[in-house]
C-alpha cells in the first residue's frame, strides 16, 4: 500500500513556480507506463504522475477522502455504492472526465488483472459497474461490504476515448503507440521516448492545483555507478544513493550535494525467493538448511547501506502491533549441514558438492544486474552455501526480466525486494495457495494451515483473536521458509542539488515530486 501523500503547498514561500528538475534512475530497456502493465518501481512512479489518483485518495493521515469523486453513498444492504464525480476535471488532452471513463476503467481492470491478489479478490466481488448519468457511477457487489475497498477506490482512471477502441488484449499495444493521457499532475511531453529520457511537463489544469515545477525530467542509466557519475557532473539533480561508501565519494566529488535519509514509501524486506515447484526447494529441510547456512547479519553489515536495514525473521516487521511468534534462525552452518544430511544429501563423489539420488544440490540464483548491493549479497550467500556443499550459480538479469520470470515461474531462486504490509491482502497475495494458478503467488508455496489462517483474517474483527492468528502465521511461515527473509529496509538515502526544495522532512516519507520546487537565489 502506498504511503499517504503530504500536503503539496508546504513551505511554498521558500521557492518559486517554474523551472526543471532532472531525476536520475537505474533502468535498462523499454519502459511501460500503462497502469495495467507496470513491473518496475520507476514505471509506477511515472505512471502515478501521469495518470494521477483514483475516485478517492489517501490524505496525510492515511484515511480516504475525496479524489476524482466525493466519498461514495452506501445504499441499504451494502451491495450498491454510488460515486458522484467532481465537476470540471479534464484529461491532459482536454477531454472531460465522465462516468463512461470510470465504467471503462473498472471493466478493463476486471478483465486484465487477474494475477494481482487485490484485483482478484475485490474485482471478483464486483457484479456490475454502471453509468447512472454523465457524472454518476454505481457499483453493485455480489456480496455486501461494510466499506468500499480502499485499494479498489484508489486505482487511476483511464481515458476511454484513447484506450476504448482496441480489444482488452490489445490494450498494451495501444499504450505503446499512443502518448499516455491521464488526469495526473504531469503530462508526457516527448513521445515516443528517446535517449533514455522521459520529459514531463506540468498539467496547468490539474484538479489539485498546478505543480510547482514546469518540467520534471527522468533520465535512465544502466548502473548505479553511471548514475552517480551523472549526479557528480550535474547531469541530474536527484538520485537515490545505493550504498554507504557512496556518501563520502559524493561529498568529495560534489561538495554542494545534500544527502538525506527518508522512510521508504512502502514497508519492504530483502529476500531470496524460492520456487517451491522446483527441486531442491520442494524440500522444506533444504529451505531451512539454507537460512541456517547464511550469515544474514554479515549481509546487513557489509552489503546494506549504513543503517539501512535490520534482520528479518518473517514477513512481519517489529513495529506491527501483532509482531512475534516467528522462529529466529541463527547463523549455524553445522546445523545446516546436519539438516541436509538428515534429508539424505551426501558428497558421494567427493567433488565438494552434496548430491542425492544422482542429483547435485545446485541451483541458479537470479539477481538484478548492475546493483552493487545485490552483487555483495550474492557474493556472501554463494560463499556461505558453497561452504556446506551447495552449488549456487549467480545469474545477473535486468530488473524487468527478473520480475517477468518471477511471474511466470521461470526461476530456481531470485534475490528481490518484497513490499509487504501485514494486511490480509498482502498475506493472501504472497502466501495463499490460490495465487499459484492465478499467477501472483510467485513462490508456488502451499500450506493448508497458512491458507486457513489467512482466510480467517478477512472474517474476524476482534483484535485479541486476530493477534493469535497473526502470530500463528508468523510462526508457520518462518518454520517453512518459503523464501529466505534477509532484512527489512528501514531507510532510503537521497542525494540532491541544493536548489531542490520540499523533498521532505529527513526521517519521514519522501514527498511526491508534484510537491517539489526550485529554491530561488541558488545556482
Protein backbone atom coordinates (compact mmCIF):
# COMPACT_ATOMS: atom_id res chain seq x y z
CA UNK A 1 0.00 0.00 0.00
CA UNK A 2 1.40 3.39 -0.94
CA UNK A 3 2.31 5.90 1.73
CA UNK A 4 -0.08 8.83 2.19
CA UNK A 5 0.69 11.97 0.21
CA UNK A 6 1.61 15.08 2.23
CA UNK A 7 0.18 18.48 1.52
CA UNK A 8 1.54 19.92 -1.70
CA UNK A 9 1.59 23.51 -0.58
CA UNK A 10 4.10 23.03 2.26
CA UNK A 11 6.70 25.81 2.52
CA UNK A 12 5.85 27.18 -0.88
CA UNK A 13 7.12 30.64 0.06
CA UNK A 14 10.67 29.25 0.13
CA UNK A 15 10.68 28.57 -3.61
CA UNK A 16 9.18 29.59 -6.90
CA UNK A 17 6.94 28.06 -9.52
CA UNK A 18 8.68 27.10 -12.70
CA UNK A 19 11.94 25.55 -13.78
CA UNK A 20 13.09 22.00 -14.45
CA UNK A 21 14.48 19.31 -12.17
CA UNK A 22 16.05 16.12 -13.50
CA UNK A 23 15.72 12.82 -11.65
CA UNK A 24 18.21 10.01 -12.28
CA UNK A 25 17.17 6.36 -12.07
CA UNK A 26 18.74 2.98 -12.85
CA UNK A 27 16.74 1.27 -15.60
CA UNK A 28 17.51 -0.57 -18.82
CA UNK A 29 15.32 -1.43 -21.77
CA UNK A 30 11.88 -0.30 -22.90
CA UNK A 31 9.60 1.17 -20.25
CA UNK A 32 5.81 0.94 -19.98
CA UNK A 33 3.59 3.47 -18.23
CA UNK A 34 0.17 1.91 -18.76
CA UNK A 35 -1.14 1.09 -15.24
CA UNK A 36 -2.08 -2.45 -16.28
CA UNK A 37 1.45 -3.42 -17.25
CA UNK A 38 3.79 -1.88 -14.68
CA UNK A 39 6.63 -4.06 -13.41
CA UNK A 40 9.35 -1.61 -12.32
CA UNK A 41 9.22 0.93 -9.49
CA UNK A 42 10.18 3.76 -11.84
CA UNK A 43 7.38 2.81 -14.23
CA UNK A 44 4.93 3.02 -11.33
CA UNK A 45 6.42 6.36 -10.22
CA UNK A 46 5.97 7.94 -13.64
CA UNK A 47 2.54 6.37 -14.18
CA UNK A 48 1.39 7.91 -10.87
CA UNK A 49 2.48 11.34 -12.08
CA UNK A 50 0.76 10.93 -15.45
CA UNK A 51 -2.47 9.13 -14.50
CA UNK A 52 -2.92 10.57 -11.01
CA UNK A 53 -5.17 9.23 -8.27
CA UNK A 54 -8.50 7.48 -8.31
CA UNK A 55 -12.06 8.13 -7.24
CA UNK A 56 -10.77 8.58 -3.68
CA UNK A 57 -7.30 9.44 -2.38
CA UNK A 58 -5.39 8.99 0.84
CA UNK A 59 -4.83 12.06 2.98
CA UNK A 60 -1.83 12.81 5.19
CA UNK A 61 -3.26 10.56 7.94
CA UNK A 62 -3.77 7.66 5.54
CA UNK A 63 -7.56 7.96 5.61
CA UNK A 64 -9.53 8.11 2.38
CA UNK A 65 -11.11 11.35 1.23
CA UNK A 66 -12.46 12.93 -1.92
CA UNK A 67 -10.40 12.46 -5.06
CA UNK A 68 -11.92 12.48 -8.52
CA UNK A 69 -15.24 11.89 -6.77
CA UNK A 70 -16.87 12.55 -3.44
CA UNK A 71 -16.91 9.68 -0.92
CA UNK A 72 -19.49 7.12 -2.06
CA UNK A 73 -23.03 6.74 -0.82
CA UNK A 74 -23.71 3.26 0.54
CA UNK A 75 -27.21 2.09 -0.29
CA UNK A 76 -29.08 -0.16 2.18
CA UNK A 77 -27.72 -3.68 2.34
CA UNK A 78 -24.14 -2.81 1.36
CA UNK A 79 -24.41 -4.18 -2.17
CA UNK A 80 -24.72 -0.87 -4.04
CA UNK A 81 -22.26 2.03 -3.82
CA UNK A 82 -22.77 5.30 -5.72
CA UNK A 83 -19.96 7.71 -6.65
CA UNK A 84 -20.53 11.26 -7.86
CA UNK A 85 -17.65 12.65 -9.94
CA UNK A 86 -16.42 16.16 -9.29
CA UNK A 87 -17.21 18.71 -11.98
CA UNK A 88 -14.56 20.23 -14.25
CA UNK A 89 -11.87 17.53 -14.19
CA UNK A 90 -10.20 17.04 -17.57
CA UNK A 91 -7.68 14.69 -19.10
CA UNK A 92 -4.41 16.06 -20.44
CA UNK A 93 -5.89 16.34 -23.94
CA UNK A 94 -8.80 18.46 -22.68
CA UNK A 95 -11.47 15.76 -22.74
CA UNK A 96 -13.70 15.88 -19.62
CA UNK A 97 -13.74 13.02 -17.15
CA UNK A 98 -17.06 11.18 -17.26
CA UNK A 99 -18.81 8.15 -15.81
CA UNK A 100 -18.04 6.32 -19.07
CA UNK A 101 -14.31 6.53 -18.26
CA UNK A 102 -14.91 5.04 -14.82
CA UNK A 103 -17.00 2.16 -16.20
CA UNK A 104 -14.41 1.52 -18.91
CA UNK A 105 -11.53 1.54 -16.42
CA UNK A 106 -13.05 -0.91 -13.96
CA UNK A 107 -14.22 -3.21 -16.75
CA UNK A 108 -10.72 -3.19 -18.22
CA UNK A 109 -9.05 -3.90 -14.88
CA UNK A 110 -11.52 -6.67 -14.04
CA UNK A 111 -10.76 -8.36 -17.35
CA UNK A 112 -7.00 -7.90 -17.29
CA UNK A 113 -5.54 -8.02 -13.78
CA UNK A 114 -6.32 -11.50 -12.54
CA UNK A 115 -2.67 -12.01 -11.47
CA UNK A 116 -2.88 -9.28 -8.82
CA UNK A 117 -4.29 -10.51 -5.48
CA UNK A 118 -6.01 -7.23 -4.65
CA UNK A 119 -7.67 -7.05 -8.02
CA UNK A 120 -8.59 -10.70 -7.90
CA UNK A 121 -10.28 -10.57 -4.51
CA UNK A 122 -12.05 -7.24 -4.90
CA UNK A 123 -12.85 -7.19 -8.59
CA UNK A 124 -14.15 -10.71 -8.27
CA UNK A 125 -16.80 -9.32 -5.91
CA UNK A 126 -17.99 -6.69 -8.40
CA UNK A 127 -21.18 -7.77 -10.15
CA UNK A 128 -21.63 -4.63 -12.22
CA UNK A 129 -20.27 -1.11 -12.72
CA UNK A 130 -22.97 1.04 -14.33
CA UNK A 131 -23.26 4.61 -15.58
CA UNK A 132 -26.19 6.34 -13.91
CA UNK A 133 -25.67 9.72 -15.60
CA UNK A 134 -22.61 11.53 -17.06
CA UNK A 135 -21.15 12.17 -13.60
CA UNK A 136 -22.57 9.29 -11.53
CA UNK A 137 -21.44 5.66 -11.32
CA UNK A 138 -22.98 2.80 -9.35
CA UNK A 139 -21.04 -0.28 -8.22
CA UNK A 140 -23.05 -3.40 -7.43
CA UNK A 141 -21.32 -6.10 -5.39
CA UNK A 142 -22.01 -9.83 -5.34
CA UNK A 143 -21.55 -9.89 -1.56
CA UNK A 144 -22.23 -6.89 0.72
CA UNK A 145 -19.24 -4.95 2.09
CA UNK A 146 -19.17 -2.60 5.08
CA UNK A 147 -16.79 -0.19 3.38
CA UNK A 148 -15.75 0.33 -0.22
CA UNK A 149 -12.32 -1.38 -0.52
CA UNK A 150 -9.65 1.37 -0.37
CA UNK A 151 -7.38 -0.33 -2.90
CA UNK A 152 -10.30 -0.53 -5.30
CA UNK A 153 -11.20 3.13 -4.79
CA UNK A 154 -7.71 4.50 -5.48
CA UNK A 155 -6.84 2.96 -8.85
CA UNK A 156 -6.18 5.51 -11.62
CA UNK A 157 -8.99 6.22 -14.08
CA UNK A 158 -8.09 5.70 -17.74
CA UNK A 159 -9.34 7.62 -20.80
CA UNK A 160 -11.98 5.64 -22.65
CA UNK A 161 -11.61 7.86 -25.72
CA UNK A 162 -7.95 6.82 -26.07
CA UNK A 163 -7.95 3.18 -24.97
CA UNK A 164 -11.53 2.14 -25.57
CA UNK A 165 -11.32 1.24 -29.25
CA UNK A 166 -8.95 -1.77 -29.10
CA UNK A 167 -9.96 -5.03 -27.52
CA UNK A 168 -8.71 -5.66 -23.99
CA UNK A 169 -6.00 -7.94 -25.31
CA UNK A 170 -4.69 -5.04 -27.41
CA UNK A 171 -4.53 -2.52 -24.56
CA UNK A 172 -0.77 -2.94 -24.18
CA UNK A 173 -0.27 -2.35 -27.89
CA UNK A 174 -2.42 0.79 -27.76
CA UNK A 175 -0.43 2.13 -24.82
CA UNK A 176 2.82 1.51 -26.68
CA UNK A 177 1.89 3.52 -29.77
CA UNK A 178 -0.08 6.34 -28.10
CA UNK A 179 1.15 9.16 -25.89
CA UNK A 180 -0.17 8.37 -22.38
CA UNK A 181 -3.09 10.63 -21.46
CA UNK A 182 -4.12 10.86 -17.83
CA UNK A 183 -5.50 13.03 -15.04
CA UNK A 184 -2.26 13.46 -13.08
CA UNK A 185 -0.09 16.47 -12.20
CA UNK A 186 2.27 16.00 -15.17
CA UNK A 187 1.85 15.33 -18.88
CA UNK A 188 4.17 13.34 -21.13
CA UNK A 189 5.86 15.97 -23.28
CA UNK A 190 8.06 13.96 -25.66
CA UNK A 191 6.70 10.90 -27.48
CA UNK A 192 7.92 8.43 -28.48
CA UNK A 193 10.57 8.22 -25.76
CA UNK A 194 14.19 8.66 -26.82
CA UNK A 195 17.71 8.95 -25.43
CA UNK A 196 16.74 7.08 -22.23
CA UNK A 197 14.80 10.15 -21.15
CA UNK A 198 11.21 10.91 -20.19
CA UNK A 199 10.20 14.57 -20.17
CA UNK A 200 7.08 15.51 -18.20
CA UNK A 201 5.52 18.97 -18.24
CA UNK A 202 3.22 20.48 -15.62
CA UNK A 203 -0.51 19.94 -16.02
CA UNK A 204 -1.60 23.55 -15.56
CA UNK A 205 -5.22 22.46 -15.09
CA UNK A 206 -4.60 19.73 -12.54
CA UNK A 207 -7.61 19.49 -10.23
CA UNK A 208 -5.40 19.51 -7.11
CA UNK A 209 -3.55 22.67 -8.14
CA UNK A 210 -0.70 23.37 -10.55
CA UNK A 211 2.58 21.57 -9.72
CA UNK A 212 5.40 23.96 -8.82
CA UNK A 213 7.82 22.72 -11.50
CA UNK A 214 7.41 23.45 -15.20
CA UNK A 215 9.14 20.20 -16.12
CA UNK A 216 10.24 17.02 -14.45
CA UNK A 217 12.77 15.00 -16.44
CA UNK A 218 13.66 11.35 -15.78
CA UNK A 219 16.99 10.10 -17.15
CA UNK A 220 17.91 6.41 -17.03
CA UNK A 221 21.33 4.80 -16.59
CA UNK A 222 22.36 1.13 -16.76
CA UNK A 223 24.31 1.02 -13.47
CA UNK A 224 24.43 2.87 -10.13
CA UNK A 225 27.99 3.94 -10.92
CA UNK A 226 26.93 5.69 -14.13
CA UNK A 227 24.02 7.27 -12.28
CA UNK A 228 26.32 8.59 -9.56
CA UNK A 229 28.70 9.97 -12.20
CA UNK A 230 25.78 11.80 -13.83
CA UNK A 231 24.92 13.40 -10.48
CA UNK A 232 28.52 14.47 -9.91
CA UNK A 233 28.65 16.17 -13.32
CA UNK A 234 25.31 17.97 -12.68
CA UNK A 235 23.57 15.98 -15.41
CA UNK A 236 20.84 15.01 -12.92
CA UNK A 237 19.59 16.77 -9.78
CA UNK A 238 18.12 13.95 -7.65
CA UNK A 239 19.37 10.36 -7.19
CA UNK A 240 18.97 7.56 -4.68
CA UNK A 241 22.29 6.51 -3.11
CA UNK A 242 22.56 2.73 -3.05
CA UNK A 243 25.49 2.08 -0.72
CA UNK A 244 27.19 3.68 2.26
CA UNK A 245 30.57 4.08 0.57
CA UNK A 246 28.96 6.40 -1.98
CA UNK A 247 28.30 9.10 0.63
CA UNK A 248 31.93 10.09 1.09
CA UNK A 249 32.63 9.73 -2.63
CA UNK A 250 29.74 12.02 -3.49
CA UNK A 251 30.76 14.66 -0.98
CA UNK A 252 34.36 14.66 -2.23
CA UNK A 253 33.32 14.82 -5.88
CA UNK A 254 30.42 17.25 -5.45
CA UNK A 255 30.76 19.45 -2.40
CA UNK A 256 27.31 21.05 -2.75
CA UNK A 257 25.46 17.70 -2.64
CA UNK A 258 22.76 17.34 0.01
CA UNK A 259 22.23 13.78 1.28
CA UNK A 260 19.18 13.00 3.39
CA UNK A 261 17.57 9.92 4.85
CA UNK A 262 13.90 9.16 4.23
CA UNK A 263 11.48 6.41 5.18
CA UNK A 264 10.68 4.06 2.29
CA UNK A 265 7.30 4.69 0.68
CA UNK A 266 6.36 1.07 1.38
CA UNK A 267 7.39 -1.41 4.04
CA UNK A 268 9.64 -3.94 2.35
CA UNK A 269 12.15 -6.67 3.04
CA UNK A 270 15.06 -8.01 1.04
CA UNK A 271 14.54 -11.69 0.32
CA UNK A 272 15.62 -14.68 -1.70
CA UNK A 273 12.57 -16.17 -3.37
CA UNK A 274 12.47 -19.95 -3.76
CA UNK A 275 10.45 -21.66 -6.46
CA UNK A 276 8.70 -24.31 -4.36
CA UNK A 277 7.53 -26.05 -7.53
CA UNK A 278 11.13 -26.95 -8.45
CA UNK A 279 13.68 -29.15 -6.68
CA UNK A 280 15.50 -28.67 -4.39
CA UNK A 281 13.04 -26.12 -2.96
CA UNK A 282 10.19 -28.61 -2.80
CA UNK A 283 12.08 -29.92 0.25
CA UNK A 284 11.39 -27.99 3.47
CA UNK A 285 14.59 -29.33 5.05
CA UNK A 286 16.66 -27.73 2.28
CA UNK A 287 14.94 -24.38 2.72
CA UNK A 288 15.56 -24.44 6.47
CA UNK A 289 19.16 -25.51 5.98
CA UNK A 290 19.85 -22.58 3.67
CA UNK A 291 18.80 -19.98 6.21
CA UNK A 292 20.96 -21.63 8.89
CA UNK A 293 23.90 -21.54 6.46
CA UNK A 294 23.54 -17.85 5.52
CA UNK A 295 25.21 -15.18 7.64
CA UNK A 296 22.44 -12.61 7.36
CA UNK A 297 23.98 -10.22 9.88
CA UNK A 298 27.10 -10.09 7.72
CA UNK A 299 24.88 -9.22 4.77
CA UNK A 300 23.39 -6.31 6.73
CA UNK A 301 26.81 -5.13 7.92
CA UNK A 302 28.66 -5.43 4.61
CA UNK A 303 26.08 -5.20 1.83
CA UNK A 304 23.32 -2.89 3.02
CA UNK A 305 23.87 0.87 3.20
CA UNK A 306 24.71 2.18 6.67
CA UNK A 307 21.71 1.81 8.97
CA UNK A 308 19.50 0.77 6.08
CA UNK A 309 18.08 -2.44 7.48
CA UNK A 310 17.53 -4.84 10.37
CA UNK A 311 17.23 -8.61 10.47
CA UNK A 312 14.01 -10.21 9.22
CA UNK A 313 12.58 -13.41 10.71
CA UNK A 314 9.26 -13.41 8.85
CA UNK A 315 7.39 -11.01 6.53
CA UNK A 316 6.20 -9.02 9.58
CA UNK A 317 8.29 -6.13 10.88
CA UNK A 318 8.83 -5.39 14.58
CA UNK A 319 6.66 -2.25 14.60
CA UNK A 320 3.49 -4.25 13.81
CA UNK A 321 1.04 -4.45 16.72
CA UNK A 322 0.84 -8.26 16.48
CA UNK A 323 4.55 -8.84 15.91
CA UNK A 324 6.00 -12.03 17.36
CA UNK A 325 5.85 -15.79 17.10
CA UNK A 326 8.40 -16.26 14.32
CA UNK A 327 11.18 -18.79 14.65
CA UNK A 328 14.53 -16.96 14.82
CA UNK A 329 17.14 -18.82 12.81
CA UNK A 330 20.71 -18.08 13.86
CA UNK A 331 23.76 -18.45 11.65
CA UNK A 332 24.74 -22.08 12.22
CA UNK A 333 26.39 -23.91 9.28
CA UNK A 334 26.84 -27.04 11.41
CA UNK A 335 23.08 -27.26 11.94
CA UNK A 336 22.54 -26.53 8.24
CA UNK A 337 24.75 -29.46 7.24
CA UNK A 338 23.07 -31.73 9.78
CA UNK A 339 19.64 -30.96 8.26
CA UNK A 340 20.90 -31.70 4.76
CA UNK A 341 22.38 -35.00 5.88
CA UNK A 342 19.09 -35.80 7.58
CA UNK A 343 17.46 -35.25 4.19
CA UNK A 344 19.85 -37.71 2.53
CA UNK A 345 22.28 -35.24 0.97
CA UNK A 346 25.88 -36.56 0.86
CA UNK A 347 29.02 -35.75 -1.10
CA UNK A 348 29.24 -39.23 -2.56
CA UNK A 349 31.66 -38.36 -5.38
CA UNK A 350 33.78 -36.08 -3.13
CA UNK A 351 33.66 -33.10 -5.51
CA UNK A 352 32.69 -30.67 -2.75
CA UNK A 353 29.00 -30.55 -3.78
CA UNK A 354 26.30 -32.53 -2.00
CA UNK A 355 24.19 -34.94 -4.01
CA UNK A 356 21.27 -37.33 -3.54
CA UNK A 357 19.98 -39.95 -5.91
CA UNK A 358 22.22 -38.73 -8.69
CA UNK A 359 21.13 -35.09 -8.37
CA UNK A 360 23.57 -32.44 -7.16
CA UNK A 361 22.44 -29.77 -4.72
CA UNK A 362 22.71 -26.92 -7.20
CA UNK A 363 20.52 -24.01 -8.29
CA UNK A 364 20.59 -20.75 -10.24
CA UNK A 365 20.16 -17.55 -8.23
CA UNK A 366 18.89 -14.58 -10.24
CA UNK A 367 19.79 -11.07 -9.12
CA UNK A 368 19.41 -7.53 -10.55
CA UNK A 369 22.20 -6.68 -12.96
CA UNK A 370 24.20 -3.56 -12.08
CA UNK A 371 23.20 -3.37 -8.41
CA UNK A 372 26.29 -3.17 -6.19
CA UNK A 373 24.23 -4.10 -3.14
CA UNK A 374 22.80 -7.16 -4.89
CA UNK A 375 26.27 -8.25 -6.00
CA UNK A 376 27.57 -8.04 -2.42
CA UNK A 377 24.60 -10.02 -1.08
CA UNK A 378 25.02 -12.70 -3.74
CA UNK A 379 28.75 -12.98 -3.04
CA UNK A 380 28.14 -13.62 0.68
CA UNK A 381 25.30 -16.08 0.01
CA UNK A 382 27.40 -18.01 -2.50
CA UNK A 383 30.40 -18.24 -0.16
CA UNK A 384 28.20 -19.35 2.76
CA UNK A 385 26.34 -22.01 0.80
CA UNK A 386 29.42 -23.31 -1.04
CA UNK A 387 30.98 -23.88 2.38
CA UNK A 388 28.33 -26.52 3.20
CA UNK A 389 28.35 -28.13 -0.26
CA UNK A 390 25.57 -26.22 -2.03
CA UNK A 391 26.47 -25.02 -5.53
CA UNK A 392 24.96 -21.58 -6.22
CA UNK A 393 25.12 -20.26 -9.78
CA UNK A 394 24.60 -16.46 -9.77
CA UNK A 395 22.77 -15.16 -12.86
CA UNK A 396 22.56 -11.36 -13.34
CA UNK A 397 19.48 -10.21 -15.26
CA UNK A 398 17.83 -6.88 -15.98
CA UNK A 399 15.23 -5.99 -13.36
CA UNK A 400 12.36 -6.17 -15.83
CA UNK A 401 13.36 -9.68 -16.88
CA UNK A 402 13.66 -10.72 -13.25
CA UNK A 403 10.11 -9.55 -12.49
CA UNK A 404 8.72 -11.26 -15.57
CA UNK A 405 10.47 -14.56 -14.80
CA UNK A 406 9.12 -14.48 -11.25
CA UNK A 407 5.58 -14.01 -12.57
CA UNK A 408 5.74 -17.00 -14.90
CA UNK A 409 7.75 -19.21 -12.54
CA UNK A 410 10.83 -19.44 -14.77
CA UNK A 411 13.43 -19.41 -12.00
CA UNK A 412 15.01 -21.53 -9.26
CA UNK A 413 15.77 -18.74 -6.76
CA UNK A 414 15.91 -14.97 -7.05
CA UNK A 415 17.12 -12.04 -4.95
CA UNK A 416 14.46 -9.33 -4.80
CA UNK A 417 12.80 -6.70 -2.66
CA UNK A 418 9.30 -7.54 -1.49
CA UNK A 419 6.93 -4.74 -0.50
CA UNK A 420 4.76 -6.01 2.34
CA UNK A 421 2.28 -4.61 4.84
CA UNK A 422 0.95 -7.23 7.29
CA UNK A 423 -2.61 -6.96 5.97
CA UNK A 424 -4.85 -9.86 4.91
CA UNK A 425 -4.37 -8.76 1.28
CA UNK A 426 -0.57 -8.90 1.40
CA UNK A 427 -0.55 -12.27 3.19
CA UNK A 428 -3.04 -13.56 0.65
CA UNK A 429 -1.07 -12.23 -2.30
CA UNK A 430 2.28 -13.73 -1.39
CA UNK A 431 1.49 -16.89 0.58
CA UNK A 432 -2.03 -18.20 -0.21
CA UNK A 433 -2.03 -21.24 -2.49
CA UNK A 434 -4.97 -19.91 -4.55
CA UNK A 435 -2.50 -17.44 -6.04
CA UNK A 436 -0.31 -20.11 -7.66
CA UNK A 437 -2.61 -20.79 -10.62
CA UNK A 438 -3.64 -17.12 -10.78
CA UNK A 439 -0.01 -16.04 -11.12
CA UNK A 440 0.56 -13.83 -8.07
CA UNK A 441 1.96 -16.38 -5.59
CA UNK A 442 5.35 -16.38 -7.32
CA UNK A 443 6.76 -18.75 -4.67
CA UNK A 444 4.50 -21.64 -5.64
CA UNK A 445 4.06 -22.10 -1.89
CA UNK A 446 1.32 -24.30 -0.38
CA UNK A 447 0.44 -24.75 3.27
CA UNK A 448 -3.16 -25.57 4.22
CA UNK A 449 -2.89 -24.07 7.70
CA UNK A 450 -1.46 -20.86 6.30
CA UNK A 451 -4.35 -20.73 3.81
CA UNK A 452 -6.89 -21.20 6.60
CA UNK A 453 -5.34 -18.55 8.84
CA UNK A 454 -5.23 -16.02 6.02
CA UNK A 455 -8.90 -16.68 5.28
CA UNK A 456 -9.71 -16.16 8.99
CA UNK A 457 -8.13 -12.69 8.85
CA UNK A 458 -10.89 -11.49 6.50
CA UNK A 459 -13.75 -12.51 8.73
CA UNK A 460 -12.55 -11.57 12.22
CA UNK A 461 -12.65 -8.05 13.69
CA UNK A 462 -11.75 -8.75 17.31
CA UNK A 463 -8.12 -7.76 17.92
CA UNK A 464 -7.46 -10.38 20.57
CA UNK A 465 -8.41 -13.16 18.16
CA UNK A 466 -6.53 -11.51 15.29
CA UNK A 467 -3.42 -11.29 17.46
CA UNK A 468 -3.15 -15.07 17.82
CA UNK A 469 -3.81 -15.62 14.09
CA UNK A 470 -1.11 -13.14 13.04
CA UNK A 471 1.36 -14.73 15.44
CA UNK A 472 0.49 -18.20 14.18
CA UNK A 473 1.09 -17.05 10.60
CA UNK A 474 4.50 -15.65 11.53
CA UNK A 475 5.45 -18.95 13.15
CA UNK A 476 4.16 -21.15 10.32
CA UNK A 477 5.80 -19.11 7.57
CA UNK A 478 9.12 -18.76 9.38
CA UNK A 479 9.18 -22.51 10.07
CA UNK A 480 8.52 -23.31 6.41
CA UNK A 481 10.96 -20.71 4.98
CA UNK A 482 9.15 -20.38 1.61
CA UNK A 483 11.67 -17.61 0.98
CA UNK A 484 14.77 -16.54 2.88
CA UNK A 485 14.00 -13.40 4.90
CA UNK A 486 17.17 -11.30 4.88
CA UNK A 487 16.46 -7.84 6.27
CA UNK A 488 13.81 -5.15 6.45
CA UNK A 489 14.58 -1.92 4.62
CA UNK A 490 14.40 0.96 7.10
CA UNK A 491 15.82 3.86 5.11
CA UNK A 492 16.49 5.24 1.68
CA UNK A 493 19.25 7.75 1.03
CA UNK A 494 18.63 10.52 -1.48
CA UNK A 495 21.28 12.91 -2.81
CA UNK A 496 20.11 16.12 -4.46
CA UNK A 497 21.10 19.53 -5.71
CA UNK A 498 20.69 22.23 -3.01
CA UNK A 499 18.23 24.05 -5.31
CA UNK A 500 15.71 21.23 -4.79
CA UNK A 501 13.06 22.25 -2.29
CA UNK A 502 10.31 20.42 -0.36
CA UNK A 503 11.62 16.90 -0.99
CA UNK A 504 10.53 16.08 2.54
CA UNK A 505 11.48 16.04 6.20
CA UNK A 506 14.51 13.86 6.98
CA UNK A 507 13.40 10.60 8.58
CA UNK A 508 9.90 10.87 7.10
CA UNK A 509 8.47 9.91 3.70
CA UNK A 510 9.91 11.48 0.56
CA UNK A 511 7.33 13.93 -0.77
CA UNK A 512 5.77 13.22 -4.17
CA UNK A 513 7.63 15.05 -6.94
CA UNK A 514 4.50 17.11 -7.67
CA UNK A 515 5.32 18.90 -4.39
CA UNK A 516 8.96 19.69 -5.23
CA UNK A 517 10.10 23.14 -6.26
CA UNK A 518 13.28 25.06 -7.03
CA UNK A 519 14.62 27.28 -4.26
CA UNK A 520 15.30 30.76 -5.53
CA UNK A 521 18.62 32.55 -5.14
CA UNK A 522 20.75 29.43 -5.71
CA UNK A 523 22.70 28.45 -8.80
